C-alpha atoms as a PDB file:
ATOM      1  CA  UNK A   1      47.336 -13.401  40.991  1.00  0.00           C
ATOM      2  CA  UNK A   2      49.978 -12.314  38.507  1.00  0.00           C
ATOM      3  CA  UNK A   3      53.043 -14.960  39.250  1.00  0.00           C
ATOM      4  CA  UNK A   4      56.255 -13.771  37.704  1.00  0.00           C
ATOM      5  CA  UNK A   5      59.748 -14.863  37.381  1.00  0.00           C
ATOM      6  CA  UNK A   6      63.117 -12.397  38.590  1.00  0.00           C
ATOM      7  CA  UNK A   7      65.431 -12.169  35.700  1.00  0.00           C
ATOM      8  CA  UNK A   8      68.961 -13.965  37.501  1.00  0.00           C
ATOM      9  CA  UNK A   9      71.095 -11.792  36.175  1.00  0.00           C
ATOM     10  CA  UNK A  10      73.856 -12.213  38.844  1.00  0.00           C
ATOM     11  CA  UNK A  11      74.457 -15.517  37.897  1.00  0.00           C
ATOM     12  CA  UNK A  12      74.303 -15.689  34.116  1.00  0.00           C
ATOM     13  CA  UNK A  13      77.217 -13.518  33.905  1.00  0.00           C
ATOM     14  CA  UNK A  14      75.500 -10.941  31.076  1.00  0.00           C
ATOM     15  CA  UNK A  15      75.398 -13.624  28.546  1.00  0.00           C
ATOM     16  CA  UNK A  16      72.975 -12.098  25.926  1.00  0.00           C
ATOM     17  CA  UNK A  17      71.836 -15.567  24.682  1.00  0.00           C
ATOM     18  CA  UNK A  18      70.977 -16.301  28.337  1.00  0.00           C
ATOM     19  CA  UNK A  19      68.443 -13.340  28.189  1.00  0.00           C
ATOM     20  CA  UNK A  20      66.808 -14.574  25.326  1.00  0.00           C
ATOM     21  CA  UNK A  21      66.356 -18.082  26.470  1.00  0.00           C
ATOM     22  CA  UNK A  22      64.869 -16.748  29.832  1.00  0.00           C
ATOM     23  CA  UNK A  23      62.506 -14.465  28.536  1.00  0.00           C
ATOM     24  CA  UNK A  24      61.156 -17.271  25.950  1.00  0.00           C
ATOM     25  CA  UNK A  25      60.668 -19.707  28.921  1.00  0.00           C
ATOM     26  CA  UNK A  26      58.924 -17.355  31.246  1.00  0.00           C
ATOM     27  CA  UNK A  27      56.575 -16.722  28.520  1.00  0.00           C
ATOM     28  CA  UNK A  28      56.442 -20.663  27.535  1.00  0.00           C
ATOM     29  CA  UNK A  29      55.952 -22.153  31.095  1.00  0.00           C
ATOM     30  CA  UNK A  30      52.826 -19.849  31.535  1.00  0.00           C
ATOM     31  CA  UNK A  31      54.600 -17.168  34.094  1.00  0.00           C
ATOM     32  CA  UNK A  32      52.964 -13.664  33.580  1.00  0.00           C
ATOM     33  CA  UNK A  33      55.783 -11.021  34.103  1.00  0.00           C
ATOM     34  CA  UNK A  34      59.592 -10.626  33.939  1.00  0.00           C
ATOM     35  CA  UNK A  35      61.232  -8.293  36.502  1.00  0.00           C
ATOM     36  CA  UNK A  36      64.446  -7.066  36.444  1.00  0.00           C
ATOM     37  CA  UNK A  37      66.467  -5.496  38.811  1.00  0.00           C
ATOM     38  CA  UNK A  38      68.719  -2.163  37.858  1.00  0.00           C
ATOM     39  CA  UNK A  39      72.324  -1.068  38.498  1.00  0.00           C
ATOM     40  CA  UNK A  40      74.305   1.330  35.808  1.00  0.00           C
ATOM     41  CA  UNK A  41      77.471   0.831  37.206  1.00  0.00           C
ATOM     42  CA  UNK A  42      78.668  -1.915  40.104  1.00  0.00           C
ATOM     43  CA  UNK A  43      80.985  -0.017  42.548  1.00  0.00           C
ATOM     44  CA  UNK A  44      83.778  -1.493  44.798  1.00  0.00           C
ATOM     45  CA  UNK A  45      83.108  -1.637  48.592  1.00  0.00           C
ATOM     46  CA  UNK A  46      86.595  -1.887  50.008  1.00  0.00           C
ATOM     47  CA  UNK A  47      88.648   0.958  51.339  1.00  0.00           C
ATOM     48  CA  UNK A  48      85.754   3.887  51.310  1.00  0.00           C
ATOM     49  CA  UNK A  49      85.210   7.037  54.000  1.00  0.00           C
ATOM     50  CA  UNK A  50      81.647   6.410  53.014  1.00  0.00           C
ATOM     51  CA  UNK A  51      80.534   3.045  53.178  1.00  0.00           C
ATOM     52  CA  UNK A  52      78.507   1.151  50.254  1.00  0.00           C
ATOM     53  CA  UNK A  53      75.614  -0.778  51.973  1.00  0.00           C
ATOM     54  CA  UNK A  54      74.175  -2.739  49.465  1.00  0.00           C
ATOM     55  CA  UNK A  55      74.615  -5.962  48.218  1.00  0.00           C
ATOM     56  CA  UNK A  56      76.112  -5.596  44.744  1.00  0.00           C
ATOM     57  CA  UNK A  57      79.675  -5.090  43.728  1.00  0.00           C
ATOM     58  CA  UNK A  58      82.169  -4.417  41.122  1.00  0.00           C
ATOM     59  CA  UNK A  59      81.715  -8.072  39.969  1.00  0.00           C
ATOM     60  CA  UNK A  60      77.876  -8.184  39.582  1.00  0.00           C
ATOM     61  CA  UNK A  61      76.428  -7.772  35.689  1.00  0.00           C
ATOM     62  CA  UNK A  62      73.390  -5.923  34.734  1.00  0.00           C
ATOM     63  CA  UNK A  63      71.121  -5.618  31.988  1.00  0.00           C
ATOM     64  CA  UNK A  64      69.643  -1.840  31.400  1.00  0.00           C
ATOM     65  CA  UNK A  65      65.874  -3.160  31.738  1.00  0.00           C
ATOM     66  CA  UNK A  66      64.700  -0.657  28.667  1.00  0.00           C
ATOM     67  CA  UNK A  67      67.237  -2.697  26.230  1.00  0.00           C
ATOM     68  CA  UNK A  68      66.355  -6.106  27.689  1.00  0.00           C
ATOM     69  CA  UNK A  69      62.845  -5.628  27.912  1.00  0.00           C
ATOM     70  CA  UNK A  70      62.788  -3.895  24.196  1.00  0.00           C
ATOM     71  CA  UNK A  71      64.709  -6.595  22.750  1.00  0.00           C
ATOM     72  CA  UNK A  72      62.328  -9.252  24.703  1.00  0.00           C
ATOM     73  CA  UNK A  73      59.399  -7.566  23.630  1.00  0.00           C
ATOM     74  CA  UNK A  74      60.170  -8.353  19.985  1.00  0.00           C
ATOM     75  CA  UNK A  75      60.624 -12.104  20.890  1.00  0.00           C
ATOM     76  CA  UNK A  76      57.747 -12.652  22.810  1.00  0.00           C
ATOM     77  CA  UNK A  77      54.188 -11.894  22.671  1.00  0.00           C
ATOM     78  CA  UNK A  78      52.374 -12.229  26.264  1.00  0.00           C
ATOM     79  CA  UNK A  79      54.284 -11.987  29.372  1.00  0.00           C
ATOM     80  CA  UNK A  80      54.519  -8.133  31.263  1.00  0.00           C
ATOM     81  CA  UNK A  81      57.596  -6.426  31.854  1.00  0.00           C
ATOM     82  CA  UNK A  82      58.456  -4.521  35.292  1.00  0.00           C
ATOM     83  CA  UNK A  83      61.509  -2.708  36.613  1.00  0.00           C
ATOM     84  CA  UNK A  84      61.651  -4.027  40.310  1.00  0.00           C
ATOM     85  CA  UNK A  85      63.177  -1.369  40.904  1.00  0.00           C
ATOM     86  CA  UNK A  86      64.484   1.102  38.574  1.00  0.00           C
ATOM     87  CA  UNK A  87      66.722   3.807  40.424  1.00  0.00           C
ATOM     88  CA  UNK A  88      64.747   6.680  39.288  1.00  0.00           C
ATOM     89  CA  UNK A  89      66.350   9.653  41.359  1.00  0.00           C
ATOM     90  CA  UNK A  90      70.077   8.945  39.419  1.00  0.00           C
ATOM     91  CA  UNK A  91      68.369   9.236  35.572  1.00  0.00           C
ATOM     92  CA  UNK A  92      67.162  12.035  34.067  1.00  0.00           C
ATOM     93  CA  UNK A  93      63.585  12.585  34.102  1.00  0.00           C
ATOM     94  CA  UNK A  94      62.543  13.116  30.491  1.00  0.00           C
ATOM     95  CA  UNK A  95      64.819  10.526  28.925  1.00  0.00           C
ATOM     96  CA  UNK A  96      63.244   8.018  31.705  1.00  0.00           C
ATOM     97  CA  UNK A  97      59.717   8.952  30.241  1.00  0.00           C
ATOM     98  CA  UNK A  98      61.313   8.675  26.563  1.00  0.00           C
ATOM     99  CA  UNK A  99      62.610   4.927  27.198  1.00  0.00           C
ATOM    100  CA  UNK A 100      59.619   3.659  29.315  1.00  0.00           C
ATOM    101  CA  UNK A 101      56.890   5.085  26.719  1.00  0.00           C
ATOM    102  CA  UNK A 102      59.129   3.003  23.984  1.00  0.00           C
ATOM    103  CA  UNK A 103      59.100   0.548  25.521  1.00  0.00           C
ATOM    104  CA  UNK A 104      55.560   0.208  26.045  1.00  0.00           C
ATOM    105  CA  UNK A 105      54.564   1.135  22.701  1.00  0.00           C
ATOM    106  CA  UNK A 106      56.639  -1.507  21.061  1.00  0.00           C
ATOM    107  CA  UNK A 107      55.506  -4.106  23.217  1.00  0.00           C
ATOM    108  CA  UNK A 108      51.872  -3.624  23.314  1.00  0.00           C
ATOM    109  CA  UNK A 109      51.313  -1.895  26.494  1.00  0.00           C
ATOM    110  CA  UNK A 110      53.042  -4.654  28.592  1.00  0.00           C
ATOM    111  CA  UNK A 111      56.006  -2.677  31.228  1.00  0.00           C
ATOM    112  CA  UNK A 112      55.168  -1.753  34.729  1.00  0.00           C
ATOM    113  CA  UNK A 113      57.803   0.712  36.017  1.00  0.00           C
ATOM    114  CA  UNK A 114      58.783   0.202  39.458  1.00  0.00           C
ATOM    115  CA  UNK A 115      61.062   2.431  41.309  1.00  0.00           C
ATOM    116  CA  UNK A 116      63.310   3.491  43.670  1.00  0.00           C
ATOM    117  CA  UNK A 117      65.699   5.676  45.486  1.00  0.00           C
ATOM    118  CA  UNK A 118      68.523   2.990  45.723  1.00  0.00           C
ATOM    119  CA  UNK A 119      71.651   3.175  47.936  1.00  0.00           C
ATOM    120  CA  UNK A 120      74.807   3.728  45.690  1.00  0.00           C
ATOM    121  CA  UNK A 121      76.293   6.790  45.904  1.00  0.00           C
ATOM    122  CA  UNK A 122      79.029   6.130  43.772  1.00  0.00           C
ATOM    123  CA  UNK A 123      76.638   5.647  40.869  1.00  0.00           C
ATOM    124  CA  UNK A 124      74.665   8.787  41.599  1.00  0.00           C
ATOM    125  CA  UNK A 125      77.850  10.659  40.991  1.00  0.00           C
ATOM    126  CA  UNK A 126      79.043   9.075  38.564  1.00  0.00           C
ATOM    127  CA  UNK A 127      75.370  10.116  36.614  1.00  0.00           C
ATOM    128  CA  UNK A 128      75.776  13.403  37.956  1.00  0.00           C
ATOM    129  CA  UNK A 129      73.238  13.406  40.072  1.00  0.00           C
ATOM    130  CA  UNK A 130      72.864  14.407  44.034  1.00  0.00           C
ATOM    131  CA  UNK A 131      72.868  11.301  46.286  1.00  0.00           C
ATOM    132  CA  UNK A 132      71.122  13.455  49.545  1.00  0.00           C
ATOM    133  CA  UNK A 133      67.880  14.300  47.538  1.00  0.00           C
ATOM    134  CA  UNK A 134      67.032  11.337  46.244  1.00  0.00           C
ATOM    135  CA  UNK A 135      63.318  11.158  48.027  1.00  0.00           C
ATOM    136  CA  UNK A 136      62.431  14.087  47.418  1.00  0.00           C
ATOM    137  CA  UNK A 137      63.269  14.017  43.623  1.00  0.00           C
ATOM    138  CA  UNK A 138      62.069  10.893  43.489  1.00  0.00           C
ATOM    139  CA  UNK A 139      58.290  12.371  43.968  1.00  0.00           C
ATOM    140  CA  UNK A 140      58.835  14.965  42.107  1.00  0.00           C
ATOM    141  CA  UNK A 141      59.772  13.030  38.811  1.00  0.00           C
ATOM    142  CA  UNK A 142      56.756  10.801  39.447  1.00  0.00           C
ATOM    143  CA  UNK A 143      54.551  13.941  39.277  1.00  0.00           C
ATOM    144  CA  UNK A 144      56.503  14.831  36.203  1.00  0.00           C
ATOM    145  CA  UNK A 145      56.814  11.362  34.338  1.00  0.00           C
ATOM    146  CA  UNK A 146      52.809  10.639  34.424  1.00  0.00           C
ATOM    147  CA  UNK A 147      52.586  14.553  33.377  1.00  0.00           C
ATOM    148  CA  UNK A 148      54.929  13.543  30.041  1.00  0.00           C
ATOM    149  CA  UNK A 149      52.611  10.110  29.799  1.00  0.00           C
ATOM    150  CA  UNK A 150      48.993  12.007  29.915  1.00  0.00           C
ATOM    151  CA  UNK A 151      49.382  15.914  28.429  1.00  0.00           C
ATOM    152  CA  UNK A 152      49.817  16.992  25.021  1.00  0.00           C
ATOM    153  CA  UNK A 153      52.514  19.806  25.852  1.00  0.00           C
ATOM    154  CA  UNK A 154      53.976  20.131  29.471  1.00  0.00           C
ATOM    155  CA  UNK A 155      55.250  23.167  31.292  1.00  0.00           C
ATOM    156  CA  UNK A 156      56.610  22.028  34.588  1.00  0.00           C
ATOM    157  CA  UNK A 157      59.027  23.973  36.736  1.00  0.00           C
ATOM    158  CA  UNK A 158      59.928  21.546  39.954  1.00  0.00           C
ATOM    159  CA  UNK A 159      62.955  21.835  42.500  1.00  0.00           C
ATOM    160  CA  UNK A 160      64.893  19.518  40.071  1.00  0.00           C
ATOM    161  CA  UNK A 161      63.614  19.165  37.076  1.00  0.00           C
ATOM    162  CA  UNK A 162      61.847  22.018  34.210  1.00  0.00           C
ATOM    163  CA  UNK A 163      60.147  21.468  31.277  1.00  0.00           C
ATOM    164  CA  UNK A 164      59.215  24.769  29.114  1.00  0.00           C
ATOM    165  CA  UNK A 165      56.349  23.682  26.911  1.00  0.00           C
ATOM    166  CA  UNK A 166      57.303  20.602  25.756  1.00  0.00           C
ATOM    167  CA  UNK A 167      56.064  17.157  24.676  1.00  0.00           C
ATOM    168  CA  UNK A 168      56.583  13.336  24.384  1.00  0.00           C
ATOM    169  CA  UNK A 169      55.918  11.893  21.136  1.00  0.00           C
ATOM    170  CA  UNK A 170      54.869   9.695  20.557  1.00  0.00           C
ATOM    171  CA  UNK A 171      53.508   9.246  24.073  1.00  0.00           C
ATOM    172  CA  UNK A 172      51.956   5.575  25.304  1.00  0.00           C
ATOM    173  CA  UNK A 173      48.917   4.863  24.633  1.00  0.00           C
ATOM    174  CA  UNK A 174      48.036   4.667  28.568  1.00  0.00           C
ATOM    175  CA  UNK A 175      49.839   6.415  31.748  1.00  0.00           C
ATOM    176  CA  UNK A 176      52.009   3.456  32.381  1.00  0.00           C
ATOM    177  CA  UNK A 177      51.443   2.428  35.884  1.00  0.00           C
ATOM    178  CA  UNK A 178      54.482   3.610  38.484  1.00  0.00           C
ATOM    179  CA  UNK A 179      55.210   1.278  41.704  1.00  0.00           C
ATOM    180  CA  UNK A 180      57.950   1.945  44.114  1.00  0.00           C
ATOM    181  CA  UNK A 181      60.043  -0.225  46.127  1.00  0.00           C
ATOM    182  CA  UNK A 182      62.026  -0.069  49.202  1.00  0.00           C
ATOM    183  CA  UNK A 183      61.966  -0.644  53.024  1.00  0.00           C
ATOM    184  CA  UNK A 184      61.514   2.371  54.566  1.00  0.00           C
ATOM    185  CA  UNK A 185      58.670   4.427  56.482  1.00  0.00           C
ATOM    186  CA  UNK A 186      59.414   6.961  54.013  1.00  0.00           C
ATOM    187  CA  UNK A 187      59.270   4.906  51.014  1.00  0.00           C
ATOM    188  CA  UNK A 188      55.664   3.213  52.634  1.00  0.00           C
ATOM    189  CA  UNK A 189      54.880   7.057  52.761  1.00  0.00           C
ATOM    190  CA  UNK A 190      55.398   7.613  49.540  1.00  0.00           C
ATOM    191  CA  UNK A 191      53.704   4.786  48.034  1.00  0.00           C
ATOM    192  CA  UNK A 192      50.358   5.437  49.812  1.00  0.00           C
ATOM    193  CA  UNK A 193      50.231   9.406  48.194  1.00  0.00           C
ATOM    194  CA  UNK A 194      51.651   8.861  44.911  1.00  0.00           C
ATOM    195  CA  UNK A 195      52.005   5.245  43.596  1.00  0.00           C
ATOM    196  CA  UNK A 196      50.292   2.406  41.952  1.00  0.00           C
ATOM    197  CA  UNK A 197      51.541  -0.341  43.921  1.00  0.00           C
ATOM    198  CA  UNK A 198      54.866  -1.551  46.107  1.00  0.00           C
ATOM    199  CA  UNK A 199      57.211  -3.844  45.762  1.00  0.00           C
ATOM    200  CA  UNK A 200      58.423  -5.757  48.791  1.00  0.00           C
ATOM    201  CA  UNK A 201      62.060  -7.411  48.030  1.00  0.00           C
ATOM    202  CA  UNK A 202      61.804 -10.480  50.122  1.00  0.00           C
ATOM    203  CA  UNK A 203      61.585 -10.726  53.976  1.00  0.00           C
ATOM    204  CA  UNK A 204      59.589 -13.231  56.076  1.00  0.00           C
ATOM    205  CA  UNK A 205      56.155 -13.690  54.648  1.00  0.00           C
ATOM    206  CA  UNK A 206      54.282 -12.570  58.073  1.00  0.00           C
ATOM    207  CA  UNK A 207      55.933  -9.389  58.558  1.00  0.00           C
ATOM    208  CA  UNK A 208      55.516  -8.079  54.929  1.00  0.00           C
ATOM    209  CA  UNK A 209      51.740  -9.341  55.062  1.00  0.00           C
ATOM    210  CA  UNK A 210      51.954  -6.768  58.335  1.00  0.00           C
ATOM    211  CA  UNK A 211      53.853  -4.006  56.414  1.00  0.00           C
ATOM    212  CA  UNK A 212      51.361  -4.679  53.440  1.00  0.00           C
ATOM    213  CA  UNK A 213      48.184  -4.514  55.773  1.00  0.00           C
ATOM    214  CA  UNK A 214      49.306  -1.040  57.101  1.00  0.00           C
ATOM    215  CA  UNK A 215      50.830   0.454  54.097  1.00  0.00           C
ATOM    216  CA  UNK A 216      46.761  -0.231  52.763  1.00  0.00           C
ATOM    217  CA  UNK A 217      45.353   1.644  55.858  1.00  0.00           C
ATOM    218  CA  UNK A 218      48.009   4.389  54.455  1.00  0.00           C
ATOM    219  CA  UNK A 219      45.981   4.404  50.901  1.00  0.00           C
ATOM    220  CA  UNK A 220      42.582   4.336  52.270  1.00  0.00           C
ATOM    221  CA  UNK A 221      43.859   7.171  54.551  1.00  0.00           C
ATOM    222  CA  UNK A 222      44.562   9.386  51.897  1.00  0.00           C
ATOM    223  CA  UNK A 223      41.500   8.850  50.115  1.00  0.00           C
ATOM    224  CA  UNK A 224      42.952   6.609  47.316  1.00  0.00           C
ATOM    225  CA  UNK A 225      40.829   3.349  46.275  1.00  0.00           C
ATOM    226  CA  UNK A 226      42.639   0.038  48.102  1.00  0.00           C
ATOM    227  CA  UNK A 227      41.352  -2.038  44.828  1.00  0.00           C
ATOM    228  CA  UNK A 228      43.568  -0.320  42.485  1.00  0.00           C
ATOM    229  CA  UNK A 229      47.065  -0.267  44.687  1.00  0.00           C
ATOM    230  CA  UNK A 230      48.688  -3.412  43.471  1.00  0.00           C
ATOM    231  CA  UNK A 231      51.340  -4.965  45.769  1.00  0.00           C
ATOM    232  CA  UNK A 232      54.113  -7.607  44.597  1.00  0.00           C
ATOM    233  CA  UNK A 233      55.965  -9.832  46.894  1.00  0.00           C
ATOM    234  CA  UNK A 234      59.508 -11.076  45.566  1.00  0.00           C
ATOM    235  CA  UNK A 235      59.691 -14.266  46.780  1.00  0.00           C
ATOM    236  CA  UNK A 236      63.519 -15.090  47.642  1.00  0.00           C
ATOM    237  CA  UNK A 237      65.112 -18.685  48.034  1.00  0.00           C
ATOM    238  CA  UNK A 238      65.459 -20.312  51.514  1.00  0.00           C
ATOM    239  CA  UNK A 239      66.118 -23.974  50.943  1.00  0.00           C
ATOM    240  CA  UNK A 240      62.455 -24.142  50.995  1.00  0.00           C
ATOM    241  CA  UNK A 241      60.618 -27.265  48.607  1.00  0.00           C
ATOM    242  CA  UNK A 242      58.016 -25.878  46.053  1.00  0.00           C
ATOM    243  CA  UNK A 243      55.248 -26.889  49.372  1.00  0.00           C
ATOM    244  CA  UNK A 244      56.734 -24.119  50.899  1.00  0.00           C
ATOM    245  CA  UNK A 245      56.967 -21.916  48.460  1.00  0.00           C
ATOM    246  CA  UNK A 246      53.600 -22.734  47.011  1.00  0.00           C
ATOM    247  CA  UNK A 247      52.465 -21.885  50.887  1.00  0.00           C
ATOM    248  CA  UNK A 248      54.153 -18.416  50.714  1.00  0.00           C
ATOM    249  CA  UNK A 249      52.098 -17.412  47.577  1.00  0.00           C
ATOM    250  CA  UNK A 250      49.044 -18.304  49.161  1.00  0.00           C
ATOM    251  CA  UNK A 251      49.598 -16.607  52.244  1.00  0.00           C
ATOM    252  CA  UNK A 252      50.563 -13.176  50.086  1.00  0.00           C
ATOM    253  CA  UNK A 253      46.813 -14.228  47.696  1.00  0.00           C
ATOM    254  CA  UNK A 254      44.822 -14.165  51.016  1.00  0.00           C
ATOM    255  CA  UNK A 255      46.495 -11.258  52.083  1.00  0.00           C
ATOM    256  CA  UNK A 256      45.055  -9.022  48.784  1.00  0.00           C
ATOM    257  CA  UNK A 257      48.331  -9.290  46.994  1.00  0.00           C
ATOM    258  CA  UNK A 258      48.366  -9.317  43.334  1.00  0.00           C
ATOM    259  CA  UNK A 259      51.600 -10.495  41.987  1.00  0.00           C
ATOM    260  CA  UNK A 260      54.360 -12.555  42.789  1.00  0.00           C
ATOM    261  CA  UNK A 261      58.072 -12.561  41.367  1.00  0.00           C
ATOM    262  CA  UNK A 262      60.494 -15.924  42.166  1.00  0.00           C
ATOM    263  CA  UNK A 263      63.860 -15.618  42.659  1.00  0.00           C
ATOM    264  CA  UNK A 264      66.262 -18.149  41.407  1.00  0.00           C
ATOM    265  CA  UNK A 265      69.475 -16.518  41.942  1.00  0.00           C
ATOM    266  CA  UNK A 266      70.948 -18.317  45.629  1.00  0.00           C
ATOM    267  CA  UNK A 267      70.261 -21.876  44.773  1.00  0.00           C
ATOM    268  CA  UNK A 268      73.612 -23.010  42.859  1.00  0.00           C
ATOM    269  CA  UNK A 269      71.792 -22.473  39.607  1.00  0.00           C
ATOM    270  CA  UNK A 270      74.771 -21.865  36.735  1.00  0.00           C
ATOM    271  CA  UNK A 271      73.409 -22.002  33.515  1.00  0.00           C
ATOM    272  CA  UNK A 272      70.255 -20.524  31.825  1.00  0.00           C
ATOM    273  CA  UNK A 273      69.062 -24.287  31.335  1.00  0.00           C
ATOM    274  CA  UNK A 274      69.607 -24.909  34.854  1.00  0.00           C
ATOM    275  CA  UNK A 275      67.427 -22.014  35.573  1.00  0.00           C
ATOM    276  CA  UNK A 276      64.839 -22.892  33.332  1.00  0.00           C
ATOM    277  CA  UNK A 277      64.646 -26.494  34.584  1.00  0.00           C
ATOM    278  CA  UNK A 278      63.589 -25.226  37.967  1.00  0.00           C
ATOM    279  CA  UNK A 279      61.345 -22.878  36.828  1.00  0.00           C
ATOM    280  CA  UNK A 280      59.345 -25.192  34.982  1.00  0.00           C
ATOM    281  CA  UNK A 281      59.182 -27.399  38.329  1.00  0.00           C
ATOM    282  CA  UNK A 282      57.738 -24.513  39.854  1.00  0.00           C
ATOM    283  CA  UNK A 283      55.124 -24.030  37.088  1.00  0.00           C
ATOM    284  CA  UNK A 284      54.667 -27.792  37.081  1.00  0.00           C
ATOM    285  CA  UNK A 285      54.071 -27.527  40.912  1.00  0.00           C
ATOM    286  CA  UNK A 286      51.821 -24.588  40.834  1.00  0.00           C
ATOM    287  CA  UNK A 287      49.588 -25.663  37.799  1.00  0.00           C
ATOM    288  CA  UNK A 288      50.605 -22.639  35.523  1.00  0.00           C
ATOM    289  CA  UNK A 289      52.966 -24.754  33.139  1.00  0.00           C
ATOM    290  CA  UNK A 290      51.387 -23.773  29.196  1.00  0.00           C
ATOM    291  CA  UNK A 291      48.991 -21.168  30.638  1.00  0.00           C
ATOM    292  CA  UNK A 292      46.917 -19.296  28.174  1.00  0.00           C
END
């Protein structure tokens, strides 16, 4: 099972030096991947007729995952990069294909594209995309992305996108894996039909394992091989010690999970060095330090 780290964007205030420090440390400590959350804009929550329900506001910083990963690809050699998740329907599909392909090419095939539909209607409006049709658009986008990644020429006419006999050049050396994230039945159903894996963003491990097993059953019901479908559990800090964290990771491994990402946000760590020190203690306890 692969063990990675979530980039702690909300606590490093957009510091570019921290990006480099964290990226190099994740590799040096032997972790397998770096996962990044995504938002283009943060919005004020107060005094809205249509409430914003998500956790982030106008005060929370985010780096663009593709730009950050392209930068880190040049200063690392081994770690994988995962978007967890990119808010896909608020973006132009062909542009996402170009950006993802370049990150994958420039990193030597190290990108995993996790996508979701998001919650911030203000962000959608600012980017000129419809919020109410985001689930349907995501399904169409996944189909189109795979065509752009693999076909020499694409002629695609969908509900939301039209590609008139055009090509993505250069293409990635493979069809980039597309995973889904979310917490709704619609997201689980969409993943069982279309995705290469699913990213579970926290929650109690027992409940997550139960949802995971039911999702795997759905994958089989759609005639797909369960061995080709990955599952990632994002472990959020609960004040647990390293021993309890190791037990959660073991439970996920025993349930057939393929990836874990560790969150260091919410622990009162205010500098890149303090996040790295915490990750070093976890790496040491889990036996991952300096793993080749």
